[in-house]
Amino acid sequence: MLTKGGCPKTMLSIKDALEVLEGKWKLLILFSLSGGSKRFKEISREVAGITGKTLSKELKSLETNQLIKREVFDTFPPTVQYSITGQGMSLEKLLDELHVWGLQHRKKIIGK
C-alpha cells in the first residue's frame, strides 16, 4: 500500500534515516566522533577532502538531528568541541557494519 509520498509505509523509516544521513560526509563525521570528542580542525583533518564550509553545514545538520552535541567553552578565543550523542551512538552498529562491508567490497572490487 502506498502513502501520499509514493513510498510504501514500511519504507518510511528507511526514507527518514536516509534524509538524516544523506550525503557522503555525515557518516564519516559520525565515525570520526565515535572515537571521542573533537574540535573542528581535528574533524577536518580526519575527514579528508571535506571543505570547512561543508563541514560546518554538516555539523549543524547533525546537531539539529541530535546526533552530535556542540559545546562552547568560555575561553579566549572560544573553544568549540563536538561529541557524539547517545542518539548518534545508536548508529555504532551500522557504522561498524558499513566499515566491514566497505573493506570487503574494496578488496573484492579493487583488490586492496
N, C-alpha and C. Protein backbone atom coordinates (compact mmCIF):
# COMPACT_ATOMS: atom_id res chain seq x y z
N MET A 1 0.84 -1.18 0.00
CA MET A 1 0.00 0.00 0.00
C MET A 1 0.89 1.25 0.00
N LEU A 2 0.56 2.19 -0.83
CA LEU A 2 1.36 3.40 -0.96
C LEU A 2 0.78 4.54 -0.13
N THR A 3 1.67 5.39 0.36
CA THR A 3 1.26 6.59 1.08
C THR A 3 1.25 7.75 0.08
N LYS A 4 0.91 8.93 0.55
CA LYS A 4 0.90 10.11 -0.33
C LYS A 4 2.25 10.35 -1.00
N GLY A 5 3.33 10.07 -0.26
CA GLY A 5 4.67 10.29 -0.80
C GLY A 5 5.07 9.28 -1.85
N GLY A 6 4.24 8.28 -2.10
CA GLY A 6 4.55 7.28 -3.10
C GLY A 6 5.48 6.20 -2.58
N CYS A 7 5.70 6.15 -1.28
CA CYS A 7 6.61 5.19 -0.68
C CYS A 7 5.80 4.23 0.19
N PRO A 8 6.01 2.93 0.06
CA PRO A 8 5.28 2.02 0.94
C PRO A 8 5.51 2.40 2.40
N LYS A 9 4.46 2.28 3.22
CA LYS A 9 4.56 2.68 4.63
C LYS A 9 5.74 2.03 5.33
N THR A 10 6.05 0.80 4.98
CA THR A 10 7.14 0.10 5.64
C THR A 10 8.51 0.69 5.31
N MET A 11 8.58 1.50 4.26
CA MET A 11 9.85 2.10 3.87
C MET A 11 10.03 3.51 4.42
N LEU A 12 9.03 4.06 5.08
CA LEU A 12 9.13 5.43 5.58
C LEU A 12 10.27 5.60 6.57
N SER A 13 10.49 4.61 7.41
CA SER A 13 11.57 4.71 8.39
C SER A 13 12.93 4.74 7.70
N ILE A 14 13.09 3.98 6.64
CA ILE A 14 14.35 3.98 5.88
C ILE A 14 14.51 5.32 5.17
N LYS A 15 13.42 5.83 4.62
CA LYS A 15 13.46 7.15 3.96
C LYS A 15 13.86 8.23 4.95
N ASP A 16 13.28 8.20 6.15
CA ASP A 16 13.62 9.18 7.19
C ASP A 16 15.11 9.09 7.55
N ALA A 17 15.60 7.87 7.75
CA ALA A 17 17.00 7.67 8.11
C ALA A 17 17.92 8.20 7.01
N LEU A 18 17.59 7.93 5.76
CA LEU A 18 18.42 8.40 4.65
C LEU A 18 18.42 9.92 4.55
N GLU A 19 17.29 10.55 4.86
CA GLU A 19 17.23 12.01 4.84
C GLU A 19 18.13 12.61 5.91
N VAL A 20 18.18 11.99 7.09
CA VAL A 20 19.02 12.48 8.19
C VAL A 20 20.50 12.26 7.88
N LEU A 21 20.82 11.15 7.23
CA LEU A 21 22.22 10.78 6.99
C LEU A 21 22.67 11.01 5.55
N GLU A 22 21.88 11.76 4.77
CA GLU A 22 22.18 11.95 3.35
C GLU A 22 23.54 12.57 3.11
N GLY A 23 24.09 12.29 1.96
CA GLY A 23 25.38 12.85 1.58
C GLY A 23 26.53 11.93 1.93
N LYS A 24 27.70 12.31 1.47
CA LYS A 24 28.87 11.45 1.67
C LYS A 24 29.66 11.78 2.93
N TRP A 25 29.28 12.82 3.65
CA TRP A 25 30.11 13.27 4.77
C TRP A 25 29.58 12.91 6.15
N LYS A 26 28.28 12.86 6.33
CA LYS A 26 27.71 12.72 7.68
C LYS A 26 28.17 11.45 8.38
N LEU A 27 28.14 10.33 7.71
CA LEU A 27 28.57 9.08 8.34
C LEU A 27 30.06 9.11 8.66
N LEU A 28 30.85 9.75 7.81
CA LEU A 28 32.29 9.86 8.08
C LEU A 28 32.54 10.74 9.30
N ILE A 29 31.77 11.81 9.44
CA ILE A 29 31.90 12.69 10.61
C ILE A 29 31.51 11.92 11.87
N LEU A 30 30.41 11.19 11.81
CA LEU A 30 29.98 10.39 12.96
C LEU A 30 31.03 9.34 13.32
N PHE A 31 31.61 8.72 12.30
CA PHE A 31 32.66 7.72 12.53
C PHE A 31 33.85 8.36 13.23
N SER A 32 34.21 9.55 12.80
CA SER A 32 35.31 10.29 13.42
C SER A 32 35.00 10.60 14.88
N LEU A 33 33.80 11.06 15.15
CA LEU A 33 33.42 11.43 16.52
C LEU A 33 33.16 10.23 17.42
N SER A 34 32.98 9.06 16.83
CA SER A 34 32.75 7.87 17.66
C SER A 34 34.01 7.52 18.46
N GLY A 35 35.14 8.06 18.05
CA GLY A 35 36.39 7.85 18.78
C GLY A 35 36.60 8.83 19.92
N GLY A 36 35.69 9.76 20.10
CA GLY A 36 35.80 10.74 21.18
C GLY A 36 35.56 12.15 20.68
N SER A 37 35.41 13.08 21.62
CA SER A 37 35.15 14.49 21.30
C SER A 37 36.32 15.08 20.51
N LYS A 38 35.97 15.98 19.59
CA LYS A 38 37.00 16.60 18.75
C LYS A 38 36.62 18.04 18.46
N ARG A 39 37.65 18.81 18.14
CA ARG A 39 37.46 20.18 17.70
C ARG A 39 37.30 20.17 16.18
N PHE A 40 36.83 21.28 15.64
CA PHE A 40 36.55 21.42 14.20
C PHE A 40 37.74 20.98 13.35
N LYS A 41 38.91 21.51 13.65
CA LYS A 41 40.11 21.20 12.83
C LYS A 41 40.48 19.72 12.90
N GLU A 42 40.26 19.10 14.05
CA GLU A 42 40.57 17.67 14.19
C GLU A 42 39.65 16.85 13.29
N ILE A 43 38.38 17.21 13.27
CA ILE A 43 37.43 16.51 12.40
C ILE A 43 37.81 16.74 10.95
N SER A 44 38.15 17.98 10.63
CA SER A 44 38.53 18.33 9.26
C SER A 44 39.72 17.52 8.77
N ARG A 45 40.70 17.30 9.65
CA ARG A 45 41.88 16.50 9.27
C ARG A 45 41.51 15.03 9.08
N GLU A 46 40.64 14.51 9.94
CA GLU A 46 40.28 13.09 9.84
C GLU A 46 39.39 12.80 8.64
N VAL A 47 38.50 13.72 8.32
CA VAL A 47 37.59 13.52 7.20
C VAL A 47 38.21 14.22 5.98
N ALA A 48 39.17 13.55 5.41
CA ALA A 48 39.95 14.12 4.30
C ALA A 48 39.06 14.50 3.12
N GLY A 49 39.31 15.68 2.58
CA GLY A 49 38.61 16.13 1.39
C GLY A 49 37.41 17.03 1.65
N ILE A 50 36.97 17.13 2.89
CA ILE A 50 35.81 17.97 3.18
C ILE A 50 36.27 19.42 3.34
N THR A 51 35.51 20.35 2.79
CA THR A 51 35.84 21.76 2.95
C THR A 51 35.32 22.26 4.29
N GLY A 52 35.86 23.36 4.76
CA GLY A 52 35.41 23.94 6.02
C GLY A 52 33.94 24.32 5.98
N LYS A 53 33.51 24.89 4.85
CA LYS A 53 32.11 25.30 4.69
C LYS A 53 31.18 24.09 4.75
N THR A 54 31.55 23.03 4.07
CA THR A 54 30.72 21.81 4.07
C THR A 54 30.72 21.16 5.44
N LEU A 55 31.87 21.11 6.10
CA LEU A 55 31.93 20.53 7.43
C LEU A 55 31.03 21.29 8.39
N SER A 56 31.07 22.60 8.33
CA SER A 56 30.23 23.44 9.18
C SER A 56 28.75 23.14 8.95
N LYS A 57 28.36 23.05 7.68
CA LYS A 57 26.96 22.77 7.32
C LYS A 57 26.54 21.39 7.82
N GLU A 58 27.40 20.40 7.64
CA GLU A 58 27.07 19.03 8.05
C GLU A 58 27.00 18.91 9.58
N LEU A 59 27.90 19.60 10.28
CA LEU A 59 27.87 19.58 11.74
C LEU A 59 26.57 20.19 12.26
N LYS A 60 26.13 21.27 11.65
CA LYS A 60 24.86 21.90 12.05
C LYS A 60 23.69 20.95 11.83
N SER A 61 23.69 20.26 10.70
CA SER A 61 22.62 19.31 10.41
C SER A 61 22.61 18.15 11.41
N LEU A 62 23.80 17.63 11.71
CA LEU A 62 23.90 16.53 12.68
C LEU A 62 23.47 16.99 14.07
N GLU A 63 23.77 18.23 14.40
CA GLU A 63 23.36 18.77 15.70
C GLU A 63 21.84 18.95 15.74
N THR A 64 21.26 19.46 14.67
CA THR A 64 19.81 19.64 14.57
C THR A 64 19.09 18.31 14.77
N ASN A 65 19.67 17.25 14.23
CA ASN A 65 19.07 15.91 14.35
C ASN A 65 19.51 15.18 15.61
N GLN A 66 20.17 15.90 16.51
CA GLN A 66 20.58 15.41 17.82
C GLN A 66 21.49 14.19 17.78
N LEU A 67 22.30 14.12 16.72
CA LEU A 67 23.27 13.03 16.61
C LEU A 67 24.62 13.44 17.19
N ILE A 68 24.87 14.75 17.23
CA ILE A 68 26.08 15.26 17.86
C ILE A 68 25.71 16.43 18.77
N LYS A 69 26.64 16.77 19.65
CA LYS A 69 26.47 17.91 20.55
C LYS A 69 27.63 18.86 20.34
N ARG A 70 27.32 20.14 20.29
CA ARG A 70 28.32 21.21 20.15
C ARG A 70 28.45 21.89 21.50
N GLU A 71 29.66 21.95 22.00
CA GLU A 71 29.89 22.55 23.30
C GLU A 71 30.89 23.69 23.15
N VAL A 72 30.52 24.88 23.63
CA VAL A 72 31.38 26.05 23.56
C VAL A 72 31.93 26.32 24.96
N PHE A 73 33.25 26.42 25.05
CA PHE A 73 33.92 26.68 26.33
C PHE A 73 34.26 28.16 26.43
N ASP A 74 34.14 28.69 27.62
CA ASP A 74 34.38 30.10 27.88
C ASP A 74 35.88 30.37 28.01
N THR A 75 36.55 30.38 26.87
CA THR A 75 37.99 30.67 26.82
C THR A 75 38.20 31.77 25.80
N PHE A 76 39.41 32.27 25.73
CA PHE A 76 39.71 33.26 24.71
C PHE A 76 40.87 32.77 23.87
N PRO A 77 40.68 32.57 22.58
CA PRO A 77 39.40 32.60 21.87
C PRO A 77 38.52 31.43 22.29
N PRO A 78 37.21 31.53 22.03
CA PRO A 78 36.31 30.45 22.44
C PRO A 78 36.72 29.10 21.84
N THR A 79 36.61 28.08 22.64
CA THR A 79 36.90 26.72 22.20
C THR A 79 35.58 26.00 21.95
N VAL A 80 35.47 25.36 20.79
CA VAL A 80 34.27 24.61 20.45
C VAL A 80 34.66 23.16 20.25
N GLN A 81 33.90 22.29 20.88
CA GLN A 81 34.17 20.86 20.80
C GLN A 81 32.89 20.13 20.41
N TYR A 82 33.04 19.11 19.58
CA TYR A 82 31.90 18.32 19.13
C TYR A 82 32.02 16.91 19.68
N SER A 83 30.88 16.35 20.07
CA SER A 83 30.88 14.97 20.55
C SER A 83 29.61 14.28 20.05
N ILE A 84 29.69 12.99 19.98
CA ILE A 84 28.54 12.20 19.53
C ILE A 84 27.59 12.01 20.71
N THR A 85 26.30 12.05 20.45
CA THR A 85 25.29 11.88 21.49
C THR A 85 24.90 10.40 21.60
N GLY A 86 24.05 10.10 22.56
CA GLY A 86 23.53 8.74 22.67
C GLY A 86 22.77 8.33 21.41
N GLN A 87 22.02 9.29 20.84
CA GLN A 87 21.29 9.02 19.60
C GLN A 87 22.27 8.72 18.47
N GLY A 88 23.37 9.46 18.42
CA GLY A 88 24.40 9.21 17.41
C GLY A 88 25.08 7.87 17.63
N MET A 89 25.33 7.53 18.90
CA MET A 89 25.97 6.25 19.22
C MET A 89 25.06 5.06 18.88
N SER A 90 23.76 5.32 18.78
CA SER A 90 22.85 4.23 18.41
C SER A 90 23.13 3.78 16.97
N LEU A 91 23.92 4.56 16.23
CA LEU A 91 24.31 4.19 14.86
C LEU A 91 25.62 3.41 14.82
N GLU A 92 26.19 3.14 16.00
CA GLU A 92 27.51 2.49 16.06
C GLU A 92 27.52 1.14 15.32
N LYS A 93 26.51 0.33 15.52
CA LYS A 93 26.46 -0.97 14.84
C LYS A 93 26.39 -0.79 13.32
N LEU A 94 25.60 0.19 12.88
CA LEU A 94 25.50 0.48 11.46
C LEU A 94 26.85 0.92 10.90
N LEU A 95 27.54 1.82 11.62
CA LEU A 95 28.85 2.30 11.17
C LEU A 95 29.86 1.16 11.10
N ASP A 96 29.84 0.29 12.11
CA ASP A 96 30.75 -0.86 12.12
C ASP A 96 30.47 -1.77 10.93
N GLU A 97 29.20 -2.05 10.69
CA GLU A 97 28.82 -2.92 9.57
C GLU A 97 29.21 -2.30 8.22
N LEU A 98 28.99 -0.99 8.07
CA LEU A 98 29.40 -0.32 6.83
C LEU A 98 30.91 -0.36 6.65
N HIS A 99 31.63 -0.21 7.76
CA HIS A 99 33.09 -0.27 7.72
C HIS A 99 33.56 -1.65 7.23
N VAL A 100 33.02 -2.69 7.82
CA VAL A 100 33.40 -4.06 7.44
C VAL A 100 33.00 -4.34 6.00
N TRP A 101 31.77 -3.97 5.63
CA TRP A 101 31.31 -4.20 4.26
C TRP A 101 32.20 -3.45 3.27
N GLY A 102 32.55 -2.19 3.61
CA GLY A 102 33.40 -1.39 2.73
C GLY A 102 34.76 -2.03 2.51
N LEU A 103 35.35 -2.56 3.59
CA LEU A 103 36.65 -3.24 3.47
C LEU A 103 36.54 -4.45 2.56
N GLN A 104 35.49 -5.26 2.75
CA GLN A 104 35.30 -6.46 1.92
C GLN A 104 35.04 -6.09 0.46
N HIS A 105 34.20 -5.09 0.26
CA HIS A 105 33.86 -4.66 -1.10
C HIS A 105 35.09 -4.11 -1.81
N ARG A 106 35.85 -3.29 -1.11
CA ARG A 106 37.09 -2.73 -1.66
C ARG A 106 38.05 -3.84 -2.09
N LYS A 107 38.20 -4.83 -1.21
CA LYS A 107 39.12 -5.94 -1.51
C LYS A 107 38.65 -6.71 -2.75
N LYS A 108 37.34 -6.94 -2.83
CA LYS A 108 36.79 -7.70 -3.95
C LYS A 108 36.86 -6.92 -5.26
N ILE A 109 36.52 -5.65 -5.22
CA ILE A 109 36.45 -4.86 -6.45
C ILE A 109 37.80 -4.27 -6.84
N ILE A 110 38.50 -3.71 -5.88
CA ILE A 110 39.76 -3.03 -6.17
C ILE A 110 40.97 -3.94 -5.95
N GLY A 111 40.80 -4.90 -5.06
CA GLY A 111 41.90 -5.80 -4.76
C GLY A 111 42.82 -5.26 -3.67
N LYS A 112 42.36 -4.24 -2.91
CA LYS A 112 43.19 -3.66 -1.85
C LYS A 112 42.46 -3.78 -0.53
